[in-house]
Amino acid sequence: MFYHLPWRQKLPLYDLVRVLFAGIIGYFSFAVMLGLMMRFVKTLQVIDPADFRQYSAVLSSSIQLPVLLLLLYLIHAAGQSGNLADKLGIRVINLRDLKLAFTGLLQIYLFGFAAQLVWKFMLQKLHIPFVEEQGLTDLIKLAGPLPYALMIVTVVLAAPVCEELFFRRLLYDLLYRACGRYAIIVTSLIFAVIHWFIFGVPLLFIVGFFCQKQYLMSRNLATPIMMHMLFNAVTLAVVGLDLKQ
């Protein structure tokens, strides 16, 4: 019943697949170009070797920006001519959307914390090596004021919009046509695995699940975007506070 979104313009299957694949190809293309550029910069020693890692992290996270612009352009050009907001599944946020966003965020922290405890216990019992902090967190700790500010823009603003648009709006739409109500599970699992952070898989799965659930309940993509932004902002704030101690 959650899938019924009468206000949203449904993308034709061909356009949906085209946008998804173009987004994936675009992401890896931008990543390759960035990698080549950073190798060139490192060879010429344009950046101090001591600062190279943190600037590399900032630029790596900024890949989300061109990918987001690419997705927006492709969706605008897809299907019948019409309102881009309808194609994106976005409308003005109302009070109910806010309630759903904060409720979903609370559920993420409650279930996510419990899941992480169980997952840590299982990994230790199975003697599977893991680290408790994502690589990006370590890089944030090394970042100076300017790289940290730039990372806030990409991690708190660009990444949530890009990822919610890709996973919650586009990928879910495609998977729903293939596996129905199980699409929410598959989409959330892909979202968790794609971050390449074994310790964070349960938490990221829960983030993906509740972002998708609240999107379908609110019928507004702005709801999970807001949840994702707040989640990333809290994470950055916690890292920042930890640095001051």
C-alpha atoms as a PDB file:
ATOM      1  CA  MET A   1       0.000   0.000   0.000  1.00  0.00           C
ATOM      2  CA  PHE A   2       2.961   2.303   0.594  1.00  0.00           C
ATOM      3  CA  TYR A   3       3.885   2.262  -3.077  1.00  0.00           C
ATOM      4  CA  HIS A   4       0.803   4.140  -4.249  1.00  0.00           C
ATOM      5  CA  LEU A   5       2.116   7.645  -4.985  1.00  0.00           C
ATOM      6  CA  PRO A   6      -0.564   9.345  -7.094  1.00  0.00           C
ATOM      7  CA  TRP A   7       1.110  12.784  -6.989  1.00  0.00           C
ATOM      8  CA  ARG A   8       4.381  11.526  -8.408  1.00  0.00           C
ATOM      9  CA  GLN A   9       5.042  11.248 -12.133  1.00  0.00           C
ATOM     10  CA  LYS A  10       6.105   7.647 -12.736  1.00  0.00           C
ATOM     11  CA  LEU A  11       9.122   7.314 -15.021  1.00  0.00           C
ATOM     12  CA  PRO A  12       8.869   4.884 -17.968  1.00  0.00           C
ATOM     13  CA  LEU A  13      10.918   1.723 -17.385  1.00  0.00           C
ATOM     14  CA  TYR A  14      13.354   2.512 -20.199  1.00  0.00           C
ATOM     15  CA  ASP A  15      14.055   6.009 -18.833  1.00  0.00           C
ATOM     16  CA  LEU A  16      14.351   4.694 -15.277  1.00  0.00           C
ATOM     17  CA  VAL A  17      16.979   2.108 -16.263  1.00  0.00           C
ATOM     18  CA  ARG A  18      18.781   4.659 -18.428  1.00  0.00           C
ATOM     19  CA  VAL A  19      19.003   7.204 -15.603  1.00  0.00           C
ATOM     20  CA  LEU A  20      20.198   4.595 -13.094  1.00  0.00           C
ATOM     21  CA  PHE A  21      22.938   3.234 -15.328  1.00  0.00           C
ATOM     22  CA  ALA A  22      24.003   6.710 -16.437  1.00  0.00           C
ATOM     23  CA  GLY A  23      24.255   7.695 -12.767  1.00  0.00           C
ATOM     24  CA  ILE A  24      26.415   4.661 -11.949  1.00  0.00           C
ATOM     25  CA  ILE A  25      28.645   5.138 -14.988  1.00  0.00           C
ATOM     26  CA  GLY A  26      28.864   8.860 -14.265  1.00  0.00           C
ATOM     27  CA  TYR A  27      29.882   8.213 -10.651  1.00  0.00           C
ATOM     28  CA  PHE A  28      32.735   5.899 -11.621  1.00  0.00           C
ATOM     29  CA  SER A  29      33.776   8.179 -14.497  1.00  0.00           C
ATOM     30  CA  PHE A  30      34.059  11.161 -12.169  1.00  0.00           C
ATOM     31  CA  ALA A  31      35.927   8.969  -9.669  1.00  0.00           C
ATOM     32  CA  VAL A  32      38.452   7.874 -12.307  1.00  0.00           C
ATOM     33  CA  MET A  33      38.980  11.451 -13.511  1.00  0.00           C
ATOM     34  CA  LEU A  34      39.450  12.610  -9.931  1.00  0.00           C
ATOM     35  CA  GLY A  35      41.918   9.790  -9.271  1.00  0.00           C
ATOM     36  CA  LEU A  36      43.986  10.729 -12.311  1.00  0.00           C
ATOM     37  CA  MET A  37      43.918  14.398 -11.332  1.00  0.00           C
ATOM     38  CA  MET A  38      45.029  13.655  -7.769  1.00  0.00           C
ATOM     39  CA  ARG A  39      47.845  11.433  -9.036  1.00  0.00           C
ATOM     40  CA  PHE A  40      48.981  14.287 -11.278  1.00  0.00           C
ATOM     41  CA  VAL A  41      48.837  16.757  -8.362  1.00  0.00           C
ATOM     42  CA  LYS A  42      50.754  14.377  -6.115  1.00  0.00           C
ATOM     43  CA  THR A  43      53.451  13.822  -8.738  1.00  0.00           C
ATOM     44  CA  LEU A  44      53.977  17.578  -9.191  1.00  0.00           C
ATOM     45  CA  GLN A  45      53.776  18.076  -5.404  1.00  0.00           C
ATOM     46  CA  VAL A  46      51.310  20.934  -5.806  1.00  0.00           C
ATOM     47  CA  ILE A  47      49.900  20.054  -2.368  1.00  0.00           C
ATOM     48  CA  ASP A  48      52.011  19.464   0.719  1.00  0.00           C
ATOM     49  CA  PRO A  49      52.328  15.663   1.113  1.00  0.00           C
ATOM     50  CA  ALA A  50      51.268  16.027   4.766  1.00  0.00           C
ATOM     51  CA  ASP A  51      47.950  17.580   3.671  1.00  0.00           C
ATOM     52  CA  PHE A  52      47.415  15.414   0.587  1.00  0.00           C
ATOM     53  CA  ARG A  53      45.287  12.775   2.329  1.00  0.00           C
ATOM     54  CA  GLN A  54      42.747  15.216   3.761  1.00  0.00           C
ATOM     55  CA  TYR A  55      42.353  17.135   0.502  1.00  0.00           C
ATOM     56  CA  SER A  56      41.989  13.834  -1.325  1.00  0.00           C
ATOM     57  CA  ALA A  57      39.175  12.902   1.068  1.00  0.00           C
ATOM     58  CA  VAL A  58      37.371  16.196   0.479  1.00  0.00           C
ATOM     59  CA  LEU A  59      37.599  15.860  -3.298  1.00  0.00           C
ATOM     60  CA  SER A  60      36.540  12.211  -3.161  1.00  0.00           C
ATOM     61  CA  SER A  61      33.378  13.078  -1.260  1.00  0.00           C
ATOM     62  CA  SER A  62      32.701  15.928  -3.699  1.00  0.00           C
ATOM     63  CA  ILE A  63      32.091  13.386  -6.483  1.00  0.00           C
ATOM     64  CA  GLN A  64      28.495  13.443  -5.253  1.00  0.00           C
ATOM     65  CA  LEU A  65      28.025  16.979  -6.609  1.00  0.00           C
ATOM     66  CA  PRO A  66      28.526  16.319 -10.342  1.00  0.00           C
ATOM     67  CA  VAL A  67      26.666  13.002 -10.042  1.00  0.00           C
ATOM     68  CA  LEU A  68      23.723  14.813  -8.464  1.00  0.00           C
ATOM     69  CA  LEU A  69      23.662  17.380 -11.261  1.00  0.00           C
ATOM     70  CA  LEU A  70      23.848  14.568 -13.823  1.00  0.00           C
ATOM     71  CA  LEU A  71      20.912  12.739 -12.224  1.00  0.00           C
ATOM     72  CA  LEU A  72      18.823  15.908 -12.062  1.00  0.00           C
ATOM     73  CA  TYR A  73      19.456  16.645 -15.726  1.00  0.00           C
ATOM     74  CA  LEU A  74      18.644  13.093 -16.831  1.00  0.00           C
ATOM     75  CA  ILE A  75      15.440  12.963 -14.791  1.00  0.00           C
ATOM     76  CA  HIS A  76      14.397  16.345 -16.141  1.00  0.00           C
ATOM     77  CA  ALA A  77      14.898  15.031 -19.688  1.00  0.00           C
ATOM     78  CA  ALA A  78      13.239  11.668 -19.009  1.00  0.00           C
ATOM     79  CA  GLY A  79       9.674  10.674 -19.752  1.00  0.00           C
ATOM     80  CA  GLN A  80       6.993  13.165 -20.614  1.00  0.00           C
ATOM     81  CA  SER A  81       7.618  16.855 -20.226  1.00  0.00           C
ATOM     82  CA  GLY A  82       6.399  18.034 -16.874  1.00  0.00           C
ATOM     83  CA  ASN A  83       7.291  19.317 -13.445  1.00  0.00           C
ATOM     84  CA  LEU A  84      10.743  18.169 -12.281  1.00  0.00           C
ATOM     85  CA  ALA A  85       9.481  18.043  -8.696  1.00  0.00           C
ATOM     86  CA  ASP A  86       6.855  15.468  -9.705  1.00  0.00           C
ATOM     87  CA  LYS A  87       9.498  13.358 -11.434  1.00  0.00           C
ATOM     88  CA  LEU A  88      11.739  13.564  -8.377  1.00  0.00           C
ATOM     89  CA  GLY A  89       8.923  12.803  -5.968  1.00  0.00           C
ATOM     90  CA  ILE A  90       9.455  16.008  -3.981  1.00  0.00           C
ATOM     91  CA  ARG A  91       6.918  18.483  -2.657  1.00  0.00           C
ATOM     92  CA  VAL A  92       6.845  21.182   0.013  1.00  0.00           C
ATOM     93  CA  ILE A  93       7.423  19.775   3.515  1.00  0.00           C
ATOM     94  CA  ASN A  94       4.469  19.894   5.893  1.00  0.00           C
ATOM     95  CA  LEU A  95       4.094  19.156   9.609  1.00  0.00           C
ATOM     96  CA  ARG A  96       3.349  15.475   9.012  1.00  0.00           C
ATOM     97  CA  ASP A  97       6.559  15.131   6.995  1.00  0.00           C
ATOM     98  CA  LEU A  98       8.527  16.651   9.874  1.00  0.00           C
ATOM     99  CA  LYS A  99       6.950  14.254  12.373  1.00  0.00           C
ATOM    100  CA  LEU A 100       7.730  11.269  10.152  1.00  0.00           C
ATOM    101  CA  ALA A 101      11.317  12.466   9.652  1.00  0.00           C
ATOM    102  CA  PHE A 102      12.045  12.831  13.370  1.00  0.00           C
ATOM    103  CA  THR A 103      10.198   9.596  14.202  1.00  0.00           C
ATOM    104  CA  GLY A 104      12.252   7.759  11.581  1.00  0.00           C
ATOM    105  CA  LEU A 105      15.465   9.276  12.883  1.00  0.00           C
ATOM    106  CA  LEU A 106      14.635   8.163  16.423  1.00  0.00           C
ATOM    107  CA  GLN A 107      13.944   4.627  15.172  1.00  0.00           C
ATOM    108  CA  ILE A 108      17.274   4.614  13.326  1.00  0.00           C
ATOM    109  CA  TYR A 109      19.185   5.430  16.499  1.00  0.00           C
ATOM    110  CA  LEU A 110      17.239   3.003  18.706  1.00  0.00           C
ATOM    111  CA  PHE A 111      17.323  -0.005  16.391  1.00  0.00           C
ATOM    112  CA  GLY A 112      20.725   0.902  14.945  1.00  0.00           C
ATOM    113  CA  PHE A 113      22.430   1.041  18.349  1.00  0.00           C
ATOM    114  CA  ALA A 114      21.010  -2.350  19.346  1.00  0.00           C
ATOM    115  CA  ALA A 115      21.923  -3.884  15.989  1.00  0.00           C
ATOM    116  CA  GLN A 116      25.503  -2.615  16.224  1.00  0.00           C
ATOM    117  CA  LEU A 117      25.965  -4.226  19.655  1.00  0.00           C
ATOM    118  CA  VAL A 118      24.731  -7.596  18.384  1.00  0.00           C
ATOM    119  CA  TRP A 119      26.757  -7.298  15.170  1.00  0.00           C
ATOM    120  CA  LYS A 120      29.954  -6.445  17.079  1.00  0.00           C
ATOM    121  CA  PHE A 121      29.459  -9.483  19.305  1.00  0.00           C
ATOM    122  CA  MET A 122      28.960 -11.730  16.257  1.00  0.00           C
ATOM    123  CA  LEU A 123      32.025 -10.388  14.432  1.00  0.00           C
ATOM    124  CA  GLN A 124      34.175 -10.928  17.519  1.00  0.00           C
ATOM    125  CA  LYS A 125      32.871 -14.467  18.058  1.00  0.00           C
ATOM    126  CA  LEU A 126      33.498 -15.330  14.401  1.00  0.00           C
ATOM    127  CA  HIS A 127      36.963 -13.719  14.570  1.00  0.00           C
ATOM    128  CA  ILE A 128      36.212 -11.486  11.598  1.00  0.00           C
ATOM    129  CA  PRO A 129      38.550  -8.461  11.571  1.00  0.00           C
ATOM    130  CA  PHE A 130      36.835  -5.071  11.556  1.00  0.00           C
ATOM    131  CA  VAL A 131      37.333  -1.434  12.479  1.00  0.00           C
ATOM    132  CA  GLU A 132      34.705   0.532  14.375  1.00  0.00           C
ATOM    133  CA  GLU A 133      35.192   3.795  12.484  1.00  0.00           C
ATOM    134  CA  GLN A 134      34.598   4.339   8.792  1.00  0.00           C
ATOM    135  CA  GLY A 135      37.616   5.503   6.772  1.00  0.00           C
ATOM    136  CA  LEU A 136      35.930   8.835   6.147  1.00  0.00           C
ATOM    137  CA  THR A 137      35.716   9.431   9.904  1.00  0.00           C
ATOM    138  CA  ASP A 138      39.472   9.031  10.265  1.00  0.00           C
ATOM    139  CA  LEU A 139      40.019  11.464   7.407  1.00  0.00           C
ATOM    140  CA  ILE A 140      37.659  13.996   8.976  1.00  0.00           C
ATOM    141  CA  LYS A 141      39.757  13.884  12.127  1.00  0.00           C
ATOM    142  CA  LEU A 142      42.818  14.831  10.103  1.00  0.00           C
ATOM    143  CA  ALA A 143      41.109  17.619   8.176  1.00  0.00           C
ATOM    144  CA  GLY A 144      41.914  21.277   8.747  1.00  0.00           C
ATOM    145  CA  PRO A 145      39.247  24.014   9.007  1.00  0.00           C
ATOM    146  CA  LEU A 146      38.784  24.543   5.243  1.00  0.00           C
ATOM    147  CA  PRO A 147      38.677  20.839   4.246  1.00  0.00           C
ATOM    148  CA  TYR A 148      36.340  20.186   7.199  1.00  0.00           C
ATOM    149  CA  ALA A 149      33.997  22.976   6.042  1.00  0.00           C
ATOM    150  CA  LEU A 150      34.010  21.654   2.474  1.00  0.00           C
ATOM    151  CA  MET A 151      33.323  18.159   3.752  1.00  0.00           C
ATOM    152  CA  ILE A 152      30.272  19.449   5.637  1.00  0.00           C
ATOM    153  CA  VAL A 153      28.862  20.730   2.335  1.00  0.00           C
ATOM    154  CA  THR A 154      29.327  17.405   0.575  1.00  0.00           C
ATOM    155  CA  VAL A 155      28.588  14.996   3.448  1.00  0.00           C
ATOM    156  CA  VAL A 156      25.651  16.888   4.982  1.00  0.00           C
ATOM    157  CA  LEU A 157      24.100  18.420   1.861  1.00  0.00           C
ATOM    158  CA  ALA A 158      25.155  16.851  -1.449  1.00  0.00           C
ATOM    159  CA  ALA A 159      25.528  13.200  -0.387  1.00  0.00           C
ATOM    160  CA  PRO A 160      22.079  12.842   1.259  1.00  0.00           C
ATOM    161  CA  VAL A 161      20.297  14.404  -1.720  1.00  0.00           C
ATOM    162  CA  CYS A 162      22.215  12.326  -4.248  1.00  0.00           C
ATOM    163  CA  GLU A 163      21.903   9.030  -2.356  1.00  0.00           C
ATOM    164  CA  GLU A 164      18.236   9.438  -1.458  1.00  0.00           C
ATOM    165  CA  LEU A 165      17.406  10.318  -5.048  1.00  0.00           C
ATOM    166  CA  PHE A 166      19.334   7.304  -6.364  1.00  0.00           C
ATOM    167  CA  PHE A 167      18.329   4.668  -3.801  1.00  0.00           C
ATOM    168  CA  ARG A 168      14.946   5.727  -2.456  1.00  0.00           C
ATOM    169  CA  ARG A 169      13.426   7.235  -5.608  1.00  0.00           C
ATOM    170  CA  LEU A 170      15.071   5.482  -8.577  1.00  0.00           C
ATOM    171  CA  LEU A 171      16.475   2.128  -7.460  1.00  0.00           C
ATOM    172  CA  TYR A 172      13.453   1.299  -5.301  1.00  0.00           C
ATOM    173  CA  ASP A 173      11.136   2.139  -8.185  1.00  0.00           C
ATOM    174  CA  LEU A 174      13.014  -0.291 -10.446  1.00  0.00           C
ATOM    175  CA  LEU A 175      13.291  -3.068  -7.854  1.00  0.00           C
ATOM    176  CA  TYR A 176       9.625  -2.761  -6.888  1.00  0.00           C
ATOM    177  CA  ARG A 177       8.677  -3.673 -10.440  1.00  0.00           C
ATOM    178  CA  ALA A 178      10.852  -6.794 -10.121  1.00  0.00           C
ATOM    179  CA  CYS A 179      10.331  -8.008  -6.538  1.00  0.00           C
ATOM    180  CA  GLY A 180       7.362  -6.070  -5.148  1.00  0.00           C
ATOM    181  CA  ARG A 181       7.244  -5.414  -1.417  1.00  0.00           C
ATOM    182  CA  TYR A 182      10.686  -7.003  -0.907  1.00  0.00           C
ATOM    183  CA  ALA A 183      12.223  -4.070  -2.780  1.00  0.00           C
ATOM    184  CA  ILE A 184      12.618  -2.146   0.473  1.00  0.00           C
ATOM    185  CA  ILE A 185      14.810  -4.947   1.877  1.00  0.00           C
ATOM    186  CA  VAL A 186      16.920  -5.306  -1.269  1.00  0.00           C
ATOM    187  CA  THR A 187      17.382  -1.543  -1.670  1.00  0.00           C
ATOM    188  CA  SER A 188      18.402  -1.128   1.977  1.00  0.00           C
ATOM    189  CA  LEU A 189      20.856  -4.030   1.732  1.00  0.00           C
ATOM    190  CA  ILE A 190      22.504  -2.569  -1.387  1.00  0.00           C
ATOM    191  CA  PHE A 191      22.698   0.818   0.347  1.00  0.00           C
ATOM    192  CA  ALA A 192      24.448  -0.791   3.350  1.00  0.00           C
ATOM    193  CA  VAL A 193      26.913  -2.893   1.361  1.00  0.00           C
ATOM    194  CA  ILE A 194      27.876  -0.160  -1.110  1.00  0.00           C
ATOM    195  CA  HIS A 195      29.532   1.847   1.675  1.00  0.00           C
ATOM    196  CA  TRP A 196      32.243  -0.850   2.067  1.00  0.00           C
ATOM    197  CA  PHE A 197      32.197  -0.673   5.870  1.00  0.00           C
ATOM    198  CA  ILE A 198      31.617  -4.106   7.389  1.00  0.00           C
ATOM    199  CA  PHE A 199      31.048  -2.917  10.962  1.00  0.00           C
ATOM    200  CA  GLY A 200      28.439  -0.385   9.827  1.00  0.00           C
ATOM    201  CA  VAL A 201      26.345  -2.775   7.685  1.00  0.00           C
ATOM    202  CA  PRO A 202      23.485  -3.230  10.222  1.00  0.00           C
ATOM    203  CA  LEU A 203      23.254   0.496  11.019  1.00  0.00           C
ATOM    204  CA  LEU A 204      23.409   1.503   7.354  1.00  0.00           C
ATOM    205  CA  PHE A 205      20.766  -1.094   6.502  1.00  0.00           C
ATOM    206  CA  ILE A 206      18.508   0.384   9.178  1.00  0.00           C
ATOM    207  CA  VAL A 207      19.191   3.903   7.870  1.00  0.00           C
ATOM    208  CA  GLY A 208      18.213   2.797   4.381  1.00  0.00           C
ATOM    209  CA  PHE A 209      15.145   0.885   5.597  1.00  0.00           C
ATOM    210  CA  PHE A 210      13.632   3.705   7.647  1.00  0.00           C
ATOM    211  CA  CYS A 211      14.492   6.378   5.082  1.00  0.00           C
ATOM    212  CA  GLN A 212      12.633   4.295   2.492  1.00  0.00           C
ATOM    213  CA  LYS A 213       9.749   3.559   4.853  1.00  0.00           C
ATOM    214  CA  GLN A 214       9.253   7.189   5.849  1.00  0.00           C
ATOM    215  CA  TYR A 215       9.479   8.267   2.204  1.00  0.00           C
ATOM    216  CA  LEU A 216       6.708   5.884   1.220  1.00  0.00           C
ATOM    217  CA  MET A 217       4.578   6.923   4.191  1.00  0.00           C
ATOM    218  CA  SER A 218       5.048  10.655   3.627  1.00  0.00           C
ATOM    219  CA  ARG A 219       4.970  10.387  -0.190  1.00  0.00           C
ATOM    220  CA  ASN A 220       7.672  13.042  -0.191  1.00  0.00           C
ATOM    221  CA  LEU A 221      11.357  12.435  -0.993  1.00  0.00           C
ATOM    222  CA  ALA A 222      12.198  15.522   1.062  1.00  0.00           C
ATOM    223  CA  THR A 223      11.411  13.482   4.204  1.00  0.00           C
ATOM    224  CA  PRO A 224      14.250  10.915   3.882  1.00  0.00           C
ATOM    225  CA  ILE A 225      16.580  13.617   2.561  1.00  0.00           C
ATOM    226  CA  MET A 226      15.984  15.562   5.773  1.00  0.00           C
ATOM    227  CA  MET A 227      16.538  12.399   7.854  1.00  0.00           C
ATOM    228  CA  HIS A 228      19.764  11.597   6.028  1.00  0.00           C
ATOM    229  CA  MET A 229      21.054  15.164   6.369  1.00  0.00           C
ATOM    230  CA  LEU A 230      20.375  15.184  10.113  1.00  0.00           C
ATOM    231  CA  PHE A 231      21.979  11.766  10.558  1.00  0.00           C
ATOM    232  CA  ASN A 232      25.153  12.846   8.738  1.00  0.00           C
ATOM    233  CA  ALA A 233      25.193  16.202  10.543  1.00  0.00           C
ATOM    234  CA  VAL A 234      24.988  14.502  13.955  1.00  0.00           C
ATOM    235  CA  THR A 235      27.786  12.124  12.934  1.00  0.00           C
ATOM    236  CA  LEU A 236      30.024  15.040  11.908  1.00  0.00           C
ATOM    237  CA  ALA A 237      29.155  16.914  15.105  1.00  0.00           C
ATOM    238  CA  VAL A 238      30.051  13.897  17.251  1.00  0.00           C
ATOM    239  CA  VAL A 239      33.386  13.553  15.435  1.00  0.00           C
ATOM    240  CA  GLY A 240      34.006  17.285  15.888  1.00  0.00           C
ATOM    241  CA  LEU A 241      33.241  17.140  19.624  1.00  0.00           C
ATOM    242  CA  ASP A 242      35.431  14.089  20.008  1.00  0.00           C
ATOM    243  CA  LEU A 243      38.346  16.038  18.501  1.00  0.00           C
ATOM    244  CA  LYS A 244      38.009  18.791  21.109  1.00  0.00           C
ATOM    245  CA  GLN A 245      38.273  16.396  24.029  1.00  0.00           C
END
